[in-house]
Amino acid sequence: MEPFERFRKLNTEGNLWIYVLALGKDDIVCEEEVRKLIFERFGFLPGTILLKTVLYRLKRKDYIKSERYKGKRAYRTTERGKKELTKTVEFCQQLIEKI
């Protein structure tokens, strides 16, 4: 695998939680739409099982909360999740400046 391909993979599927938190930071997101929204907004399609695992872990650690929205399971990023997302953005900005 070429260096850029590895970098891209590690920063998309390898860090799926960032994209889930970003989707739910301003709005509630229906679980069945998460994959599609990630593809539309970020340009990659995560695996279903991987996505379910990430959602479960984020919920368990209180980074997202589960709600019912129009009779469907949906998620919203918690304040704790928003803080993690902010720290991640700041780290990425510092890294880009260094590179």
N, C-alpha and C. Protein backbone atom coordinates (compact mmCIF):
# COMPACT_ATOMS: atom_id res chain seq x y z
N MET A 1 0.84 -1.17 0.00
CA MET A 1 0.00 0.00 0.00
C MET A 1 0.89 1.24 0.00
N GLU A 2 0.55 2.17 -0.84
CA GLU A 2 1.29 3.43 -0.94
C GLU A 2 1.08 4.27 0.32
N PRO A 3 2.03 5.14 0.66
CA PRO A 3 1.91 5.95 1.87
C PRO A 3 0.62 6.77 1.94
N PHE A 4 0.25 7.40 0.83
CA PHE A 4 -0.98 8.21 0.87
C PHE A 4 -2.21 7.34 1.08
N GLU A 5 -2.27 6.18 0.43
CA GLU A 5 -3.41 5.28 0.60
C GLU A 5 -3.55 4.85 2.06
N ARG A 6 -2.42 4.54 2.67
CA ARG A 6 -2.44 4.13 4.08
C ARG A 6 -2.91 5.29 4.96
N PHE A 7 -2.40 6.48 4.70
CA PHE A 7 -2.80 7.67 5.46
C PHE A 7 -4.30 7.90 5.32
N ARG A 8 -4.81 7.83 4.10
CA ARG A 8 -6.24 8.04 3.85
C ARG A 8 -7.08 7.00 4.59
N LYS A 9 -6.70 5.74 4.52
CA LYS A 9 -7.46 4.68 5.17
C LYS A 9 -7.47 4.84 6.69
N LEU A 10 -6.30 5.16 7.24
CA LEU A 10 -6.22 5.34 8.70
C LEU A 10 -7.01 6.56 9.17
N ASN A 11 -7.19 7.54 8.29
CA ASN A 11 -7.92 8.75 8.67
C ASN A 11 -9.36 8.76 8.20
N THR A 12 -9.84 7.65 7.70
CA THR A 12 -11.26 7.51 7.36
C THR A 12 -11.82 6.33 8.16
N GLU A 13 -11.74 5.12 7.60
CA GLU A 13 -12.26 3.95 8.30
C GLU A 13 -11.55 3.72 9.64
N GLY A 14 -10.29 4.06 9.71
CA GLY A 14 -9.51 3.86 10.92
C GLY A 14 -9.88 4.79 12.07
N ASN A 15 -10.56 5.86 11.76
CA ASN A 15 -11.00 6.83 12.78
C ASN A 15 -12.47 7.19 12.56
N LEU A 16 -13.27 6.17 12.40
CA LEU A 16 -14.68 6.37 12.08
C LEU A 16 -15.43 7.18 13.13
N TRP A 17 -15.00 7.06 14.37
CA TRP A 17 -15.68 7.76 15.46
C TRP A 17 -15.72 9.27 15.24
N ILE A 18 -14.68 9.83 14.63
CA ILE A 18 -14.64 11.27 14.39
C ILE A 18 -15.81 11.70 13.51
N TYR A 19 -16.08 10.93 12.49
CA TYR A 19 -17.13 11.26 11.53
C TYR A 19 -18.52 11.09 12.15
N VAL A 20 -18.68 10.08 12.99
CA VAL A 20 -19.96 9.89 13.70
C VAL A 20 -20.22 11.07 14.63
N LEU A 21 -19.21 11.46 15.39
CA LEU A 21 -19.37 12.61 16.29
C LEU A 21 -19.66 13.88 15.51
N ALA A 22 -19.01 14.06 14.38
CA ALA A 22 -19.22 15.26 13.56
C ALA A 22 -20.65 15.32 13.03
N LEU A 23 -21.19 14.19 12.62
CA LEU A 23 -22.56 14.17 12.10
C LEU A 23 -23.58 14.56 13.17
N GLY A 24 -23.35 14.10 14.40
CA GLY A 24 -24.33 14.32 15.46
C GLY A 24 -24.11 15.56 16.30
N LYS A 25 -23.11 16.36 15.97
CA LYS A 25 -22.82 17.51 16.84
C LYS A 25 -23.87 18.61 16.74
N ASP A 26 -24.50 18.78 15.60
CA ASP A 26 -25.48 19.85 15.44
C ASP A 26 -26.91 19.34 15.26
N ASP A 27 -27.05 18.06 14.95
CA ASP A 27 -28.34 17.52 14.61
C ASP A 27 -28.48 16.09 15.09
N ILE A 28 -29.70 15.63 15.19
CA ILE A 28 -29.94 14.23 15.50
C ILE A 28 -29.84 13.44 14.19
N VAL A 29 -29.25 12.25 14.25
CA VAL A 29 -29.02 11.46 13.04
C VAL A 29 -29.62 10.07 13.24
N CYS A 30 -30.50 9.66 12.33
CA CYS A 30 -31.09 8.33 12.39
C CYS A 30 -30.02 7.29 12.09
N GLU A 31 -30.04 6.21 12.87
CA GLU A 31 -29.02 5.17 12.73
C GLU A 31 -28.94 4.63 11.31
N GLU A 32 -30.08 4.44 10.68
CA GLU A 32 -30.08 3.86 9.33
C GLU A 32 -29.51 4.80 8.27
N GLU A 33 -29.37 6.07 8.60
CA GLU A 33 -28.85 7.04 7.64
C GLU A 33 -27.37 7.36 7.84
N VAL A 34 -26.76 6.88 8.91
CA VAL A 34 -25.38 7.26 9.25
C VAL A 34 -24.42 6.89 8.12
N ARG A 35 -24.48 5.66 7.61
CA ARG A 35 -23.57 5.24 6.54
C ARG A 35 -23.69 6.15 5.32
N LYS A 36 -24.94 6.39 4.91
CA LYS A 36 -25.19 7.22 3.73
C LYS A 36 -24.67 8.64 3.94
N LEU A 37 -24.91 9.19 5.11
CA LEU A 37 -24.46 10.56 5.40
C LEU A 37 -22.94 10.66 5.42
N ILE A 38 -22.28 9.64 5.95
CA ILE A 38 -20.81 9.63 5.94
C ILE A 38 -20.31 9.62 4.50
N PHE A 39 -20.93 8.82 3.67
CA PHE A 39 -20.52 8.77 2.26
C PHE A 39 -20.76 10.10 1.57
N GLU A 40 -21.92 10.68 1.77
CA GLU A 40 -22.25 11.95 1.12
C GLU A 40 -21.38 13.10 1.59
N ARG A 41 -21.12 13.14 2.88
CA ARG A 41 -20.40 14.29 3.45
C ARG A 41 -18.88 14.13 3.43
N PHE A 42 -18.40 12.88 3.66
CA PHE A 42 -16.97 12.67 3.83
C PHE A 42 -16.33 11.82 2.73
N GLY A 43 -17.13 11.23 1.86
CA GLY A 43 -16.59 10.56 0.68
C GLY A 43 -16.10 9.14 0.86
N PHE A 44 -16.52 8.44 1.90
CA PHE A 44 -16.20 7.02 2.03
C PHE A 44 -17.36 6.30 2.68
N LEU A 45 -17.47 5.02 2.41
CA LEU A 45 -18.58 4.22 2.91
C LEU A 45 -18.07 3.19 3.90
N PRO A 46 -18.33 3.39 5.19
CA PRO A 46 -17.84 2.45 6.19
C PRO A 46 -18.62 1.14 6.17
N GLY A 47 -18.00 0.09 6.63
CA GLY A 47 -18.67 -1.19 6.75
C GLY A 47 -19.76 -1.15 7.80
N THR A 48 -20.81 -1.91 7.58
CA THR A 48 -21.95 -1.91 8.48
C THR A 48 -21.59 -2.40 9.88
N ILE A 49 -20.87 -3.50 9.96
CA ILE A 49 -20.51 -4.06 11.26
C ILE A 49 -19.57 -3.12 12.01
N LEU A 50 -18.58 -2.57 11.30
CA LEU A 50 -17.67 -1.62 11.93
C LEU A 50 -18.43 -0.41 12.46
N LEU A 51 -19.36 0.09 11.69
CA LEU A 51 -20.15 1.25 12.10
C LEU A 51 -20.97 0.93 13.35
N LYS A 52 -21.63 -0.21 13.38
CA LYS A 52 -22.41 -0.60 14.55
C LYS A 52 -21.53 -0.72 15.79
N THR A 53 -20.32 -1.26 15.61
CA THR A 53 -19.38 -1.38 16.72
C THR A 53 -18.99 -0.01 17.25
N VAL A 54 -18.69 0.91 16.35
CA VAL A 54 -18.30 2.26 16.74
C VAL A 54 -19.46 2.96 17.45
N LEU A 55 -20.67 2.83 16.93
CA LEU A 55 -21.83 3.44 17.58
C LEU A 55 -22.02 2.89 18.98
N TYR A 56 -21.89 1.58 19.13
CA TYR A 56 -22.03 0.95 20.44
C TYR A 56 -20.99 1.48 21.43
N ARG A 57 -19.75 1.54 20.99
CA ARG A 57 -18.68 2.00 21.89
C ARG A 57 -18.83 3.48 22.25
N LEU A 58 -19.20 4.30 21.29
CA LEU A 58 -19.40 5.72 21.58
C LEU A 58 -20.55 5.92 22.56
N LYS A 59 -21.61 5.14 22.39
CA LYS A 59 -22.75 5.25 23.29
C LYS A 59 -22.38 4.76 24.69
N ARG A 60 -21.66 3.66 24.76
CA ARG A 60 -21.28 3.09 26.05
C ARG A 60 -20.41 4.05 26.85
N LYS A 61 -19.57 4.82 26.16
CA LYS A 61 -18.68 5.75 26.85
C LYS A 61 -19.25 7.17 26.92
N ASP A 62 -20.53 7.31 26.58
CA ASP A 62 -21.25 8.57 26.70
C ASP A 62 -20.72 9.68 25.79
N TYR A 63 -20.27 9.31 24.60
CA TYR A 63 -19.88 10.31 23.60
C TYR A 63 -21.06 10.64 22.69
N ILE A 64 -22.00 9.70 22.59
CA ILE A 64 -23.25 9.93 21.89
C ILE A 64 -24.37 9.40 22.77
N LYS A 65 -25.58 9.89 22.52
CA LYS A 65 -26.72 9.34 23.23
C LYS A 65 -27.76 8.90 22.21
N SER A 66 -28.45 7.86 22.56
CA SER A 66 -29.46 7.28 21.69
C SER A 66 -30.82 7.89 22.01
N GLU A 67 -31.57 8.19 20.98
CA GLU A 67 -32.91 8.76 21.13
C GLU A 67 -33.83 8.12 20.11
N ARG A 68 -35.12 8.35 20.28
CA ARG A 68 -36.09 7.95 19.27
C ARG A 68 -36.45 9.19 18.48
N TYR A 69 -36.40 9.06 17.17
CA TYR A 69 -36.73 10.18 16.29
C TYR A 69 -37.60 9.64 15.17
N LYS A 70 -38.83 10.09 15.14
CA LYS A 70 -39.81 9.61 14.16
C LYS A 70 -39.92 8.08 14.21
N GLY A 71 -39.90 7.54 15.41
CA GLY A 71 -40.06 6.11 15.61
C GLY A 71 -38.83 5.27 15.30
N LYS A 72 -37.71 5.92 15.04
CA LYS A 72 -36.47 5.21 14.69
C LYS A 72 -35.39 5.54 15.70
N ARG A 73 -34.41 4.63 15.81
CA ARG A 73 -33.27 4.89 16.69
C ARG A 73 -32.39 5.95 16.03
N ALA A 74 -32.01 6.91 16.83
CA ALA A 74 -31.18 8.01 16.32
C ALA A 74 -30.14 8.37 17.38
N TYR A 75 -29.16 9.15 16.95
CA TYR A 75 -28.05 9.52 17.83
C TYR A 75 -27.80 11.01 17.77
N ARG A 76 -27.28 11.50 18.88
CA ARG A 76 -26.84 12.89 18.97
C ARG A 76 -25.54 12.90 19.78
N THR A 77 -24.61 13.73 19.38
CA THR A 77 -23.34 13.85 20.09
C THR A 77 -23.57 14.56 21.42
N THR A 78 -23.03 14.02 22.49
CA THR A 78 -23.14 14.62 23.81
C THR A 78 -22.09 15.72 23.97
N GLU A 79 -22.18 16.45 25.07
CA GLU A 79 -21.17 17.47 25.35
C GLU A 79 -19.78 16.84 25.47
N ARG A 80 -19.73 15.67 26.07
CA ARG A 80 -18.45 14.96 26.19
C ARG A 80 -17.89 14.62 24.80
N GLY A 81 -18.76 14.19 23.90
CA GLY A 81 -18.34 13.89 22.53
C GLY A 81 -17.89 15.12 21.78
N LYS A 82 -18.58 16.23 22.00
CA LYS A 82 -18.20 17.49 21.34
C LYS A 82 -16.83 17.96 21.81
N LYS A 83 -16.52 17.76 23.09
CA LYS A 83 -15.20 18.13 23.60
C LYS A 83 -14.11 17.29 22.94
N GLU A 84 -14.37 16.00 22.77
CA GLU A 84 -13.39 15.13 22.11
C GLU A 84 -13.20 15.54 20.65
N LEU A 85 -14.28 15.89 20.00
CA LEU A 85 -14.20 16.33 18.60
C LEU A 85 -13.41 17.63 18.49
N THR A 86 -13.62 18.55 19.41
CA THR A 86 -12.88 19.80 19.41
C THR A 86 -11.38 19.55 19.61
N LYS A 87 -11.04 18.67 20.56
CA LYS A 87 -9.63 18.33 20.79
C LYS A 87 -9.01 17.72 19.54
N THR A 88 -9.78 16.90 18.83
CA THR A 88 -9.29 16.26 17.62
C THR A 88 -9.03 17.28 16.52
N VAL A 89 -9.94 18.21 16.35
CA VAL A 89 -9.78 19.26 15.34
C VAL A 89 -8.54 20.10 15.65
N GLU A 90 -8.37 20.48 16.90
CA GLU A 90 -7.20 21.27 17.29
C GLU A 90 -5.90 20.50 17.03
N PHE A 91 -5.89 19.22 17.35
CA PHE A 91 -4.71 18.40 17.11
C PHE A 91 -4.40 18.34 15.62
N CYS A 92 -5.42 18.12 14.79
CA CYS A 92 -5.21 18.05 13.34
C CYS A 92 -4.68 19.38 12.78
N GLN A 93 -5.20 20.49 13.28
CA GLN A 93 -4.72 21.79 12.83
C GLN A 93 -3.25 21.99 13.18
N GLN A 94 -2.87 21.60 14.40
CA GLN A 94 -1.46 21.71 14.82
C GLN A 94 -0.58 20.80 13.97
N LEU A 95 -1.05 19.62 13.69
CA LEU A 95 -0.28 18.68 12.87
C LEU A 95 -0.06 19.21 11.47
N ILE A 96 -1.11 19.79 10.88
CA ILE A 96 -1.00 20.35 9.53
C ILE A 96 0.02 21.48 9.51
N GLU A 97 0.01 22.32 10.54
CA GLU A 97 0.98 23.41 10.62
C GLU A 97 2.41 22.89 10.69
N LYS A 98 2.61 21.78 11.40
CA LYS A 98 3.95 21.20 11.54
C LYS A 98 4.42 20.55 10.26
N ILE A 99 3.51 19.96 9.54
CA ILE A 99 3.89 19.27 8.29
C ILE A 99 4.21 20.31 7.24
